[in-house]
Amino acid sequence: MNTILTDDQKAKLLANGRVSAERGGPQNHWPVIKLFVPNTRCVWLVTEIDPADQSVGFGLCDLGQGTPEMGSIDLAELVDPADPLAKPDPKFQAQHPLFVYFKAAHAHRRIVETADVLAQFAKG
């Protein structure tokens, strides 16, 4: 699949996907990329790509409705270079594994990136 992902991002996402496939399901990987739809509150923190179907990713999804969830992501739709719905956030740098982001998002009803808030959820 041709995408707007960099080669390095795609390699990391595929490596994480292979680990998850070997271990029987998604693992607590660190997000590799943050995608967002401009002028909306839609955000995805993507941790992996399914090596068997590279149009499918996994991560934390926030459609801006107060119910962020972990799940599969249709990357073919989001990052198709001919008509990308979402854009990558070039400034995003993961600070914690996905489950920390999930716990914070669940508590705050949106994906949170604030270091001190994430640190609270990383502790327990």
PDB file of N, CA and C in Angstrom:
ATOM      1  N   MET A   1       0.848  -1.185   0.000  1.00  0.00           N
ATOM      2  CA  MET A   1       0.000   0.000   0.000  1.00  0.00           C
ATOM      3  C   MET A   1       0.887   1.240   0.000  1.00  0.00           C
ATOM      4  N   ASN A   2       0.633   2.121  -0.927  1.00  0.00           N
ATOM      5  CA  ASN A   2       1.330   3.402  -0.994  1.00  0.00           C
ATOM      6  C   ASN A   2       0.658   4.359  -0.016  1.00  0.00           C
ATOM      7  N   THR A   3       1.435   5.010   0.828  1.00  0.00           N
ATOM      8  CA  THR A   3       0.839   5.900   1.824  1.00  0.00           C
ATOM      9  C   THR A   3       1.686   7.137   2.007  1.00  0.00           C
ATOM     10  N   ILE A   4       1.216   8.020   2.863  1.00  0.00           N
ATOM     11  CA  ILE A   4       1.978   9.208   3.228  1.00  0.00           C
ATOM     12  C   ILE A   4       2.914   8.928   4.395  1.00  0.00           C
ATOM     13  N   LEU A   5       2.954   7.685   4.853  1.00  0.00           N
ATOM     14  CA  LEU A   5       3.870   7.308   5.921  1.00  0.00           C
ATOM     15  C   LEU A   5       5.297   7.303   5.398  1.00  0.00           C
ATOM     16  N   THR A   6       6.243   7.661   6.241  1.00  0.00           N
ATOM     17  CA  THR A   6       7.642   7.563   5.842  1.00  0.00           C
ATOM     18  C   THR A   6       8.058   6.095   5.861  1.00  0.00           C
ATOM     19  N   ASP A   7       9.141   5.775   5.198  1.00  0.00           N
ATOM     20  CA  ASP A   7       9.644   4.394   5.196  1.00  0.00           C
ATOM     21  C   ASP A   7       9.961   3.929   6.613  1.00  0.00           C
ATOM     22  N   ASP A   8      10.544   4.824   7.426  1.00  0.00           N
ATOM     23  CA  ASP A   8      10.892   4.485   8.799  1.00  0.00           C
ATOM     24  C   ASP A   8       9.635   4.191   9.632  1.00  0.00           C
ATOM     25  N   GLN A   9       8.616   5.036   9.486  1.00  0.00           N
ATOM     26  CA  GLN A   9       7.363   4.812  10.222  1.00  0.00           C
ATOM     27  C   GLN A   9       6.732   3.485   9.814  1.00  0.00           C
ATOM     28  N   LYS A  10       6.681   3.248   8.521  1.00  0.00           N
ATOM     29  CA  LYS A  10       6.079   2.005   8.025  1.00  0.00           C
ATOM     30  C   LYS A  10       6.844   0.790   8.535  1.00  0.00           C
ATOM     31  N   ALA A  11       8.166   0.859   8.546  1.00  0.00           N
ATOM     32  CA  ALA A  11       8.981  -0.260   9.041  1.00  0.00           C
ATOM     33  C   ALA A  11       8.703  -0.531  10.518  1.00  0.00           C
ATOM     34  N   LYS A  12       8.616   0.539  11.324  1.00  0.00           N
ATOM     35  CA  LYS A  12       8.325   0.371  12.754  1.00  0.00           C
ATOM     36  C   LYS A  12       6.932  -0.189  12.970  1.00  0.00           C
ATOM     37  N   LEU A  13       5.956   0.330  12.224  1.00  0.00           N
ATOM     38  CA  LEU A  13       4.580  -0.151  12.347  1.00  0.00           C
ATOM     39  C   LEU A  13       4.475  -1.622  11.961  1.00  0.00           C
ATOM     40  N   LEU A  14       5.157  -2.016  10.897  1.00  0.00           N
ATOM     41  CA  LEU A  14       5.143  -3.425  10.471  1.00  0.00           C
ATOM     42  C   LEU A  14       5.856  -4.321  11.475  1.00  0.00           C
ATOM     43  N   ALA A  15       6.970  -3.850  12.025  1.00  0.00           N
ATOM     44  CA  ALA A  15       7.689  -4.640  13.038  1.00  0.00           C
ATOM     45  C   ALA A  15       6.789  -4.864  14.254  1.00  0.00           C
ATOM     46  N   ASN A  16       6.101  -3.824  14.701  1.00  0.00           N
ATOM     47  CA  ASN A  16       5.168  -3.975  15.821  1.00  0.00           C
ATOM     48  C   ASN A  16       4.044  -4.942  15.462  1.00  0.00           C
ATOM     49  N   GLY A  17       3.551  -4.855  14.228  1.00  0.00           N
ATOM     50  CA  GLY A  17       2.494  -5.762  13.772  1.00  0.00           C
ATOM     51  C   GLY A  17       2.937  -7.214  13.768  1.00  0.00           C
ATOM     52  N   ARG A  18       4.187  -7.449  13.388  1.00  0.00           N
ATOM     53  CA  ARG A  18       4.709  -8.830  13.403  1.00  0.00           C
ATOM     54  C   ARG A  18       4.787  -9.364  14.832  1.00  0.00           C
ATOM     55  N   VAL A  19       5.229  -8.526  15.776  1.00  0.00           N
ATOM     56  CA  VAL A  19       5.286  -8.939  17.188  1.00  0.00           C
ATOM     57  C   VAL A  19       3.881  -9.286  17.679  1.00  0.00           C
ATOM     58  N   SER A  20       2.913  -8.435  17.372  1.00  0.00           N
ATOM     59  CA  SER A  20       1.541  -8.696  17.797  1.00  0.00           C
ATOM     60  C   SER A  20       1.002  -9.983  17.180  1.00  0.00           C
ATOM     61  N   ALA A  21       1.302 -10.207  15.910  1.00  0.00           N
ATOM     62  CA  ALA A  21       0.837 -11.430  15.246  1.00  0.00           C
ATOM     63  C   ALA A  21       1.455 -12.665  15.889  1.00  0.00           C
ATOM     64  N   GLU A  22       2.733 -12.581  16.210  1.00  0.00           N
ATOM     65  CA  GLU A  22       3.415 -13.714  16.847  1.00  0.00           C
ATOM     66  C   GLU A  22       2.874 -13.999  18.245  1.00  0.00           C
ATOM     67  N   ARG A  23       2.430 -12.950  18.938  1.00  0.00           N
ATOM     68  CA  ARG A  23       1.965 -13.098  20.328  1.00  0.00           C
ATOM     69  C   ARG A  23       0.445 -13.212  20.438  1.00  0.00           C
ATOM     70  N   GLY A  24      -0.242 -13.270  19.306  1.00  0.00           N
ATOM     71  CA  GLY A  24      -1.680 -13.537  19.321  1.00  0.00           C
ATOM     72  C   GLY A  24      -2.591 -12.340  19.481  1.00  0.00           C
ATOM     73  N   GLY A  25      -2.086 -11.140  19.319  1.00  0.00           N
ATOM     74  CA  GLY A  25      -2.944  -9.958  19.403  1.00  0.00           C
ATOM     75  C   GLY A  25      -2.153  -8.718  19.710  1.00  0.00           C
ATOM     76  N   PRO A  26      -2.832  -7.565  19.654  1.00  0.00           N
ATOM     77  CA  PRO A  26      -2.145  -6.292  19.889  1.00  0.00           C
ATOM     78  C   PRO A  26      -1.404  -6.267  21.232  1.00  0.00           C
ATOM     79  N   GLN A  27      -0.253  -5.659  21.201  1.00  0.00           N
ATOM     80  CA  GLN A  27       0.593  -5.516  22.383  1.00  0.00           C
ATOM     81  C   GLN A  27       0.612  -4.048  22.817  1.00  0.00           C
ATOM     82  N   ASN A  28       1.281  -3.786  23.895  1.00  0.00           N
ATOM     83  CA  ASN A  28       1.355  -2.427  24.433  1.00  0.00           C
ATOM     84  C   ASN A  28       2.532  -1.666  23.804  1.00  0.00           C
ATOM     85  N   HIS A  29       2.473  -1.514  22.480  1.00  0.00           N
ATOM     86  CA  HIS A  29       3.531  -0.803  21.758  1.00  0.00           C
ATOM     87  C   HIS A  29       3.424   0.700  22.000  1.00  0.00           C
ATOM     88  N   TRP A  30       4.521   1.385  21.781  1.00  0.00           N
ATOM     89  CA  TRP A  30       4.512   2.847  21.799  1.00  0.00           C
ATOM     90  C   TRP A  30       3.930   3.322  20.467  1.00  0.00           C
ATOM     91  N   PRO A  31       3.093   4.353  20.475  1.00  0.00           N
ATOM     92  CA  PRO A  31       2.598   4.886  19.204  1.00  0.00           C
ATOM     93  C   PRO A  31       3.755   5.332  18.311  1.00  0.00           C
ATOM     94  N   VAL A  32       3.619   5.043  17.029  1.00  0.00           N
ATOM     95  CA  VAL A  32       4.646   5.404  16.055  1.00  0.00           C
ATOM     96  C   VAL A  32       4.291   6.715  15.366  1.00  0.00           C
ATOM     97  N   ILE A  33       3.002   6.914  15.143  1.00  0.00           N
ATOM     98  CA  ILE A  33       2.556   8.092  14.407  1.00  0.00           C
ATOM     99  C   ILE A  33       1.215   8.573  14.954  1.00  0.00           C
ATOM    100  N   LYS A  34       1.049   9.878  14.918  1.00  0.00           N
ATOM    101  CA  LYS A  34      -0.237  10.497  15.246  1.00  0.00           C
ATOM    102  C   LYS A  34      -0.816  11.032  13.945  1.00  0.00           C
ATOM    103  N   LEU A  35      -2.047  10.639  13.662  1.00  0.00           N
ATOM    104  CA  LEU A  35      -2.768  11.146  12.506  1.00  0.00           C
ATOM    105  C   LEU A  35      -3.920  12.015  12.996  1.00  0.00           C
ATOM    106  N   PHE A  36      -4.273  13.018  12.226  1.00  0.00           N
ATOM    107  CA  PHE A  36      -5.401  13.865  12.588  1.00  0.00           C
ATOM    108  C   PHE A  36      -6.081  14.369  11.319  1.00  0.00           C
ATOM    109  N   VAL A  37      -7.349  14.698  11.447  1.00  0.00           N
ATOM    110  CA  VAL A  37      -8.082  15.314  10.346  1.00  0.00           C
ATOM    111  C   VAL A  37      -8.163  16.804  10.656  1.00  0.00           C
ATOM    112  N   PRO A  38      -7.583  17.635   9.791  1.00  0.00           N
ATOM    113  CA  PRO A  38      -7.603  19.078  10.041  1.00  0.00           C
ATOM    114  C   PRO A  38      -9.023  19.609  10.247  1.00  0.00           C
ATOM    115  N   ASN A  39      -9.132  20.577  11.131  1.00  0.00           N
ATOM    116  CA  ASN A  39     -10.394  21.257  11.432  1.00  0.00           C
ATOM    117  C   ASN A  39     -11.449  20.346  12.054  1.00  0.00           C
ATOM    118  N   THR A  40     -11.002  19.248  12.663  1.00  0.00           N
ATOM    119  CA  THR A  40     -11.896  18.357  13.409  1.00  0.00           C
ATOM    120  C   THR A  40     -11.177  17.972  14.693  1.00  0.00           C
ATOM    121  N   ARG A  41     -11.834  17.168  15.509  1.00  0.00           N
ATOM    122  CA  ARG A  41     -11.192  16.633  16.712  1.00  0.00           C
ATOM    123  C   ARG A  41     -10.816  15.168  16.527  1.00  0.00           C
ATOM    124  N   CYS A  42     -10.771  14.679  15.288  1.00  0.00           N
ATOM    125  CA  CYS A  42     -10.446  13.279  14.995  1.00  0.00           C
ATOM    126  C   CYS A  42      -8.936  13.062  15.058  1.00  0.00           C
ATOM    127  N   VAL A  43      -8.518  12.104  15.915  1.00  0.00           N
ATOM    128  CA  VAL A  43      -7.100  11.814  16.126  1.00  0.00           C
ATOM    129  C   VAL A  43      -6.918  10.310  16.255  1.00  0.00           C
ATOM    130  N   TRP A  44      -5.825   9.806  15.706  1.00  0.00           N
ATOM    131  CA  TRP A  44      -5.450   8.400  15.842  1.00  0.00           C
ATOM    132  C   TRP A  44      -3.992   8.324  16.270  1.00  0.00           C
ATOM    133  N   LEU A  45      -3.699   7.503  17.258  1.00  0.00           N
ATOM    134  CA  LEU A  45      -2.321   7.169  17.621  1.00  0.00           C
ATOM    135  C   LEU A  45      -2.121   5.739  17.151  1.00  0.00           C
ATOM    136  N   VAL A  46      -1.314   5.566  16.128  1.00  0.00           N
ATOM    137  CA  VAL A  46      -1.166   4.264  15.467  1.00  0.00           C
ATOM    138  C   VAL A  46       0.094   3.576  15.982  1.00  0.00           C
ATOM    139  N   THR A  47      -0.058   2.317  16.397  1.00  0.00           N
ATOM    140  CA  THR A  47       1.068   1.556  16.936  1.00  0.00           C
ATOM    141  C   THR A  47       1.574   0.478  15.998  1.00  0.00           C
ATOM    142  N   GLU A  48       0.720   0.014  15.082  1.00  0.00           N
ATOM    143  CA  GLU A  48       1.147  -1.112  14.247  1.00  0.00           C
ATOM    144  C   GLU A  48       0.335  -1.214  12.975  1.00  0.00           C
ATOM    145  N   ILE A  49       0.903  -1.969  12.032  1.00  0.00           N
ATOM    146  CA  ILE A  49       0.227  -2.346  10.792  1.00  0.00           C
ATOM    147  C   ILE A  49       0.179  -3.866  10.755  1.00  0.00           C
ATOM    148  N   ASP A  50      -0.958  -4.399  10.340  1.00  0.00           N
ATOM    149  CA  ASP A  50      -1.112  -5.843  10.180  1.00  0.00           C
ATOM    150  C   ASP A  50      -0.225  -6.296   9.013  1.00  0.00           C
ATOM    151  N   PRO A  51       0.768  -7.161   9.275  1.00  0.00           N
ATOM    152  CA  PRO A  51       1.649  -7.571   8.178  1.00  0.00           C
ATOM    153  C   PRO A  51       0.921  -8.385   7.100  1.00  0.00           C
ATOM    154  N   ALA A  52      -0.198  -9.021   7.443  1.00  0.00           N
ATOM    155  CA  ALA A  52      -0.960  -9.802   6.467  1.00  0.00           C
ATOM    156  C   ALA A  52      -1.870  -8.920   5.609  1.00  0.00           C
ATOM    157  N   ASP A  53      -2.243  -7.752   6.113  1.00  0.00           N
ATOM    158  CA  ASP A  53      -3.093  -6.815   5.389  1.00  0.00           C
ATOM    159  C   ASP A  53      -2.643  -5.411   5.761  1.00  0.00           C
ATOM    160  N   GLN A  54      -1.741  -4.861   4.978  1.00  0.00           N
ATOM    161  CA  GLN A  54      -1.113  -3.591   5.323  1.00  0.00           C
ATOM    162  C   GLN A  54      -2.036  -2.383   5.208  1.00  0.00           C
ATOM    163  N   SER A  55      -3.288  -2.604   4.856  1.00  0.00           N
ATOM    164  CA  SER A  55      -4.254  -1.497   4.866  1.00  0.00           C
ATOM    165  C   SER A  55      -4.922  -1.371   6.230  1.00  0.00           C
ATOM    166  N   VAL A  56      -4.592  -2.298   7.150  1.00  0.00           N
ATOM    167  CA  VAL A  56      -5.193  -2.296   8.480  1.00  0.00           C
ATOM    168  C   VAL A  56      -4.139  -1.986   9.529  1.00  0.00           C
ATOM    169  N   GLY A  57      -4.435  -0.999  10.354  1.00  0.00           N
ATOM    170  CA  GLY A  57      -3.564  -0.653  11.460  1.00  0.00           C
ATOM    171  C   GLY A  57      -4.278  -0.897  12.773  1.00  0.00           C
ATOM    172  N   PHE A  58      -3.588  -0.584  13.863  1.00  0.00           N
ATOM    173  CA  PHE A  58      -4.170  -0.693  15.193  1.00  0.00           C
ATOM    174  C   PHE A  58      -3.671   0.479  16.016  1.00  0.00           C
ATOM    175  N   GLY A  59      -4.528   0.962  16.900  1.00  0.00           N
ATOM    176  CA  GLY A  59      -4.113   2.047  17.772  1.00  0.00           C
ATOM    177  C   GLY A  59      -5.279   2.603  18.555  1.00  0.00           C
ATOM    178  N   LEU A  60      -5.082   3.800  19.063  1.00  0.00           N
ATOM    179  CA  LEU A  60      -6.083   4.518  19.841  1.00  0.00           C
ATOM    180  C   LEU A  60      -6.783   5.493  18.905  1.00  0.00           C
ATOM    181  N   CYS A  61      -8.100   5.410  18.853  1.00  0.00           N
ATOM    182  CA  CYS A  61      -8.904   6.217  17.938  1.00  0.00           C
ATOM    183  C   CYS A  61      -9.777   7.176  18.739  1.00  0.00           C
ATOM    184  N   ASP A  62      -9.791   8.435  18.353  1.00  0.00           N
ATOM    185  CA  ASP A  62     -10.630   9.439  18.993  1.00  0.00           C
ATOM    186  C   ASP A  62     -11.322  10.218  17.884  1.00  0.00           C
ATOM    187  N   LEU A  63     -12.614   9.973  17.721  1.00  0.00           N
ATOM    188  CA  LEU A  63     -13.374  10.649  16.680  1.00  0.00           C
ATOM    189  C   LEU A  63     -13.992  11.948  17.167  1.00  0.00           C
ATOM    190  N   GLY A  64     -13.574  12.388  18.369  1.00  0.00           N
ATOM    191  CA  GLY A  64     -14.018  13.660  18.895  1.00  0.00           C
ATOM    192  C   GLY A  64     -15.410  13.650  19.493  1.00  0.00           C
ATOM    193  N   GLN A  65     -15.906  12.453  19.845  1.00  0.00           N
ATOM    194  CA  GLN A  65     -17.248  12.332  20.393  1.00  0.00           C
ATOM    195  C   GLN A  65     -17.250  11.950  21.874  1.00  0.00           C
ATOM    196  N   GLY A  66     -16.072  12.009  22.518  1.00  0.00           N
ATOM    197  CA  GLY A  66     -15.982  11.723  23.935  1.00  0.00           C
ATOM    198  C   GLY A  66     -15.871  10.252  24.288  1.00  0.00           C
ATOM    199  N   THR A  67     -15.604   9.410  23.277  1.00  0.00           N
ATOM    200  CA  THR A  67     -15.490   7.969  23.531  1.00  0.00           C
ATOM    201  C   THR A  67     -14.284   7.367  22.803  1.00  0.00           C
ATOM    202  N   PRO A  68     -13.071   7.787  23.155  1.00  0.00           N
ATOM    203  CA  PRO A  68     -11.893   7.214  22.492  1.00  0.00           C
ATOM    204  C   PRO A  68     -11.805   5.708  22.774  1.00  0.00           C
ATOM    205  N   GLU A  69     -11.318   4.970  21.790  1.00  0.00           N
ATOM    206  CA  GLU A  69     -11.216   3.521  21.954  1.00  0.00           C
ATOM    207  C   GLU A  69     -10.030   2.968  21.184  1.00  0.00           C
ATOM    208  N   MET A  70      -9.565   1.822  21.633  1.00  0.00           N
ATOM    209  CA  MET A  70      -8.515   1.122  20.901  1.00  0.00           C
ATOM    210  C   MET A  70      -9.183   0.208  19.890  1.00  0.00           C
ATOM    211  N   GLY A  71      -8.559   0.081  18.730  1.00  0.00           N
ATOM    212  CA  GLY A  71      -9.139  -0.801  17.734  1.00  0.00           C
ATOM    213  C   GLY A  71      -8.417  -0.718  16.413  1.00  0.00           C
ATOM    214  N   SER A  72      -9.001  -1.406  15.436  1.00  0.00           N
ATOM    215  CA  SER A  72      -8.457  -1.429  14.079  1.00  0.00           C
ATOM    216  C   SER A  72      -8.692  -0.094  13.398  1.00  0.00           C
ATOM    217  N   ILE A  73      -7.779   0.218  12.489  1.00  0.00           N
ATOM    218  CA  ILE A  73      -7.815   1.493  11.772  1.00  0.00           C
ATOM    219  C   ILE A  73      -7.698   1.200  10.281  1.00  0.00           C
ATOM    220  N   ASP A  74      -8.584   1.770   9.476  1.00  0.00           N
ATOM    221  CA  ASP A  74      -8.541   1.610   8.025  1.00  0.00           C
ATOM    222  C   ASP A  74      -7.527   2.603   7.455  1.00  0.00           C
ATOM    223  N   LEU A  75      -6.281   2.162   7.379  1.00  0.00           N
ATOM    224  CA  LEU A  75      -5.215   3.047   6.890  1.00  0.00           C
ATOM    225  C   LEU A  75      -5.366   3.372   5.415  1.00  0.00           C
ATOM    226  N   ALA A  76      -5.953   2.459   4.658  1.00  0.00           N
ATOM    227  CA  ALA A  76      -6.122   2.715   3.231  1.00  0.00           C
ATOM    228  C   ALA A  76      -6.948   3.975   3.012  1.00  0.00           C
ATOM    229  N   GLU A  77      -7.952   4.173   3.840  1.00  0.00           N
ATOM    230  CA  GLU A  77      -8.797   5.362   3.729  1.00  0.00           C
ATOM    231  C   GLU A  77      -8.112   6.597   4.293  1.00  0.00           C
ATOM    232  N   LEU A  78      -7.437   6.446   5.419  1.00  0.00           N
ATOM    233  CA  LEU A  78      -6.879   7.604   6.115  1.00  0.00           C
ATOM    234  C   LEU A  78      -5.653   8.206   5.444  1.00  0.00           C
ATOM    235  N   VAL A  79      -4.777   7.367   4.918  1.00  0.00           N
ATOM    236  CA  VAL A  79      -3.489   7.876   4.434  1.00  0.00           C
ATOM    237  C   VAL A  79      -3.210   7.590   2.960  1.00  0.00           C
ATOM    238  N   ASP A  80      -4.238   7.358   2.168  1.00  0.00           N
ATOM    239  CA  ASP A  80      -4.072   7.173   0.738  1.00  0.00           C
ATOM    240  C   ASP A  80      -3.499   8.459   0.144  1.00  0.00           C
ATOM    241  N   PRO A  81      -2.325   8.412  -0.492  1.00  0.00           N
ATOM    242  CA  PRO A  81      -1.710   9.648  -0.981  1.00  0.00           C
ATOM    243  C   PRO A  81      -2.532  10.362  -2.051  1.00  0.00           C
ATOM    244  N   ALA A  82      -3.399   9.645  -2.756  1.00  0.00           N
ATOM    245  CA  ALA A  82      -4.222  10.278  -3.784  1.00  0.00           C
ATOM    246  C   ALA A  82      -5.275  11.193  -3.153  1.00  0.00           C
ATOM    247  N   ASP A  83      -5.737  10.843  -1.959  1.00  0.00           N
ATOM    248  CA  ASP A  83      -6.770  11.641  -1.288  1.00  0.00           C
ATOM    249  C   ASP A  83      -6.728  11.348   0.211  1.00  0.00           C
ATOM    250  N   PRO A  84      -5.665  11.785   0.898  1.00  0.00           N
ATOM    251  CA  PRO A  84      -5.569  11.470   2.323  1.00  0.00           C
ATOM    252  C   PRO A  84      -6.619  12.210   3.145  1.00  0.00           C
ATOM    253  N   LEU A  85      -7.323  11.456   3.965  1.00  0.00           N
ATOM    254  CA  LEU A  85      -8.285  12.052   4.882  1.00  0.00           C
ATOM    255  C   LEU A  85      -7.550  12.667   6.061  1.00  0.00           C
ATOM    256  N   ALA A  86      -6.558  11.936   6.558  1.00  0.00           N
ATOM    257  CA  ALA A  86      -5.804  12.364   7.742  1.00  0.00           C
ATOM    258  C   ALA A  86      -4.396  12.795   7.347  1.00  0.00           C
ATOM    259  N   LYS A  87      -3.833  13.612   8.205  1.00  0.00           N
ATOM    260  CA  LYS A  87      -2.450  14.069   8.019  1.00  0.00           C
ATOM    261  C   LYS A  87      -1.628  13.625   9.224  1.00  0.00           C
ATOM    262  N   PRO A  88      -0.349  13.326   8.997  1.00  0.00           N
ATOM    263  CA  PRO A  88       0.514  12.996  10.135  1.00  0.00           C
ATOM    264  C   PRO A  88       0.921  14.268  10.882  1.00  0.00           C
ATOM    265  N   ASP A  89       1.063  14.149  12.191  1.00  0.00           N
ATOM    266  CA  ASP A  89       1.547  15.261  13.004  1.00  0.00           C
ATOM    267  C   ASP A  89       3.064  15.135  13.084  1.00  0.00           C
ATOM    268  N   PRO A  90       3.807  15.993  12.378  1.00  0.00           N
ATOM    269  CA  PRO A  90       5.263  15.855  12.351  1.00  0.00           C
ATOM    270  C   PRO A  90       5.928  16.128  13.698  1.00  0.00           C
ATOM    271  N   LYS A  91       5.218  16.782  14.617  1.00  0.00           N
ATOM    272  CA  LYS A  91       5.786  17.107  15.923  1.00  0.00           C
ATOM    273  C   LYS A  91       5.548  16.013  16.963  1.00  0.00           C
ATOM    274  N   PHE A  92       4.708  15.023  16.628  1.00  0.00           N
ATOM    275  CA  PHE A  92       4.368  14.006  17.623  1.00  0.00           C
ATOM    276  C   PHE A  92       5.569  13.129  17.961  1.00  0.00           C
ATOM    277  N   GLN A  93       5.787  12.967  19.240  1.00  0.00           N
ATOM    278  CA  GLN A  93       6.820  12.078  19.764  1.00  0.00           C
ATOM    279  C   GLN A  93       6.186  11.327  20.936  1.00  0.00           C
ATOM    280  N   ALA A  94       6.018  10.025  20.796  1.00  0.00           N
ATOM    281  CA  ALA A  94       5.381   9.237  21.861  1.00  0.00           C
ATOM    282  C   ALA A  94       6.178   9.355  23.154  1.00  0.00           C
ATOM    283  N   GLN A  95       5.448   9.494  24.247  1.00  0.00           N
ATOM    284  CA  GLN A  95       6.060   9.608  25.573  1.00  0.00           C
ATOM    285  C   GLN A  95       5.866   8.352  26.407  1.00  0.00           C
ATOM    286  N   HIS A  96       4.903   7.518  26.002  1.00  0.00           N
ATOM    287  CA  HIS A  96       4.537   6.335  26.782  1.00  0.00           C
ATOM    288  C   HIS A  96       3.977   5.268  25.848  1.00  0.00           C
ATOM    289  N   PRO A  97       3.828   4.039  26.351  1.00  0.00           N
ATOM    290  CA  PRO A  97       3.151   3.003  25.570  1.00  0.00           C
ATOM    291  C   PRO A  97       1.661   3.316  25.420  1.00  0.00           C
ATOM    292  N   LEU A  98       1.026   2.636  24.500  1.00  0.00           N
ATOM    293  CA  LEU A  98      -0.358   2.921  24.137  1.00  0.00           C
ATOM    294  C   LEU A  98      -1.323   2.853  25.317  1.00  0.00           C
ATOM    295  N   PHE A  99      -1.162   1.887  26.215  1.00  0.00           N
ATOM    296  CA  PHE A  99      -2.127   1.733  27.309  1.00  0.00           C
ATOM    297  C   PHE A  99      -2.146   2.950  28.228  1.00  0.00           C
ATOM    298  N   VAL A 100      -1.044   3.667  28.353  1.00  0.00           N
ATOM    299  CA  VAL A 100      -1.037   4.905  29.150  1.00  0.00           C
ATOM    300  C   VAL A 100      -1.920   5.949  28.461  1.00  0.00           C
ATOM    301  N   TYR A 101      -1.761   6.087  27.149  1.00  0.00           N
ATOM    302  CA  TYR A 101      -2.606   7.011  26.401  1.00  0.00           C
ATOM    303  C   TYR A 101      -4.074   6.595  26.503  1.00  0.00           C
ATOM    304  N   PHE A 102      -4.323   5.289  26.453  1.00  0.00           N
ATOM    305  CA  PHE A 102      -5.703   4.804  26.549  1.00  0.00           C
ATOM    306  C   PHE A 102      -6.320   5.144  27.904  1.00  0.00           C
ATOM    307  N   LYS A 103      -5.591   4.886  28.991  1.00  0.00           N
ATOM    308  CA  LYS A 103      -6.125   5.188  30.322  1.00  0.00           C
ATOM    309  C   LYS A 103      -6.407   6.685  30.476  1.00  0.00           C
ATOM    310  N   ALA A 104      -5.495   7.513  30.012  1.00  0.00           N
ATOM    311  CA  ALA A 104      -5.693   8.965  30.102  1.00  0.00           C
ATOM    312  C   ALA A 104      -6.866   9.399  29.225  1.00  0.00           C
ATOM    313  N   ALA A 105      -6.976   8.848  28.026  1.00  0.00           N
ATOM    314  CA  ALA A 105      -8.073   9.200  27.114  1.00  0.00           C
ATOM    315  C   ALA A 105      -9.418   8.772  27.689  1.00  0.00           C
ATOM    316  N   HIS A 106      -9.441   7.601  28.297  1.00  0.00           N
ATOM    317  CA  HIS A 106     -10.681   7.110  28.909  1.00  0.00           C
ATOM    318  C   HIS A 106     -11.124   8.057  30.029  1.00  0.00           C
ATOM    319  N   ALA A 107     -10.193   8.485  30.852  1.00  0.00           N
ATOM    320  CA  ALA A 107     -10.510   9.377  31.974  1.00  0.00           C
ATOM    321  C   ALA A 107     -10.905  10.779  31.508  1.00  0.00           C
ATOM    322  N   HIS A 108     -10.275  11.262  30.435  1.00  0.00           N
ATOM    323  CA  HIS A 108     -10.503  12.638  29.978  1.00  0.00           C
ATOM    324  C   HIS A 108     -11.449  12.730  28.782  1.00  0.00           C
ATOM    325  N   ARG A 109     -11.899  11.573  28.300  1.00  0.00           N
ATOM    326  CA  ARG A 109     -12.843  11.490  27.180  1.00  0.00           C
ATOM    327  C   ARG A 109     -12.278  12.057  25.875  1.00  0.00           C
ATOM    328  N   ARG A 110     -10.948  12.042  25.767  1.00  0.00           N
ATOM    329  CA  ARG A 110     -10.258  12.477  24.545  1.00  0.00           C
ATOM    330  C   ARG A 110      -8.797  12.061  24.667  1.00  0.00           C
ATOM    331  N   ILE A 111      -8.096  11.987  23.560  1.00  0.00           N
ATOM    332  CA  ILE A 111      -6.671  11.685  23.606  1.00  0.00           C
ATOM    333  C   ILE A 111      -5.948  12.862  24.240  1.00  0.00           C
ATOM    334  N   VAL A 112      -5.121  12.551  25.220  1.00  0.00           N
ATOM    335  CA  VAL A 112      -4.375  13.554  25.975  1.00  0.00           C
ATOM    336  C   VAL A 112      -2.885  13.368  25.680  1.00  0.00           C
ATOM    337  N   GLU A 113      -2.175  14.474  25.466  1.00  0.00           N
ATOM    338  CA  GLU A 113      -0.738  14.401  25.206  1.00  0.00           C
ATOM    339  C   GLU A 113       0.077  15.192  26.213  1.00  0.00           C
ATOM    340  N   THR A 114      -0.569  15.800  27.178  1.00  0.00           N
ATOM    341  CA  THR A 114       0.115  16.607  28.173  1.00  0.00           C
ATOM    342  C   THR A 114       0.992  15.713  29.051  1.00  0.00           C
ATOM    343  N   ALA A 115       2.279  16.051  29.147  1.00  0.00           N
ATOM    344  CA  ALA A 115       3.251  15.199  29.845  1.00  0.00           C
ATOM    345  C   ALA A 115       2.863  14.909  31.286  1.00  0.00           C
ATOM    346  N   ASP A 116       2.433  15.924  32.038  1.00  0.00           N
ATOM    347  CA  ASP A 116       2.117  15.686  33.453  1.00  0.00           C
ATOM    348  C   ASP A 116       0.876  14.813  33.622  1.00  0.00           C
ATOM    349  N   VAL A 117      -0.114  14.951  32.736  1.00  0.00           N
ATOM    350  CA  VAL A 117      -1.306  14.103  32.809  1.00  0.00           C
ATOM    351  C   VAL A 117      -0.942  12.665  32.462  1.00  0.00           C
ATOM    352  N   LEU A 118      -0.177  12.470  31.408  1.00  0.00           N
ATOM    353  CA  LEU A 118       0.227  11.117  31.028  1.00  0.00           C
ATOM    354  C   LEU A 118       1.073  10.473  32.124  1.00  0.00           C
ATOM    355  N   ALA A 119       1.927  11.251  32.769  1.00  0.00           N
ATOM    356  CA  ALA A 119       2.772  10.714  33.849  1.00  0.00           C
ATOM    357  C   ALA A 119       1.933  10.164  34.992  1.00  0.00           C
ATOM    358  N   GLN A 120       0.817  10.809  35.293  1.00  0.00           N
ATOM    359  CA  GLN A 120      -0.083  10.321  36.334  1.00  0.00           C
ATOM    360  C   GLN A 120      -0.614   8.933  36.010  1.00  0.00           C
ATOM    361  N   PHE A 121      -0.961   8.712  34.743  1.00  0.00           N
ATOM    362  CA  PHE A 121      -1.520   7.429  34.333  1.00  0.00           C
ATOM    363  C   PHE A 121      -0.437   6.378  34.116  1.00  0.00           C
ATOM    364  N   ALA A 122       0.789   6.806  33.920  1.00  0.00           N
ATOM    365  CA  ALA A 122       1.890   5.863  33.775  1.00  0.00           C
ATOM    366  C   ALA A 122       2.259   5.222  35.104  1.00  0.00           C
ATOM    367  N   LYS A 123       1.976   5.928  36.192  1.00  0.00           N
ATOM    368  CA  LYS A 123       2.329   5.431  37.525  1.00  0.00           C
ATOM    369  C   LYS A 123       1.419   4.298  37.984  1.00  0.00           C
ATOM    370  N   GLY A 124       0.192   4.301  37.571  1.00  0.00           N
ATOM    371  CA  GLY A 124      -0.708   3.293  38.104  1.00  0.00           C
ATOM    372  C   GLY A 124      -1.800   2.976  37.268  1.00  0.00           C
TER     373      GLY A 124
END
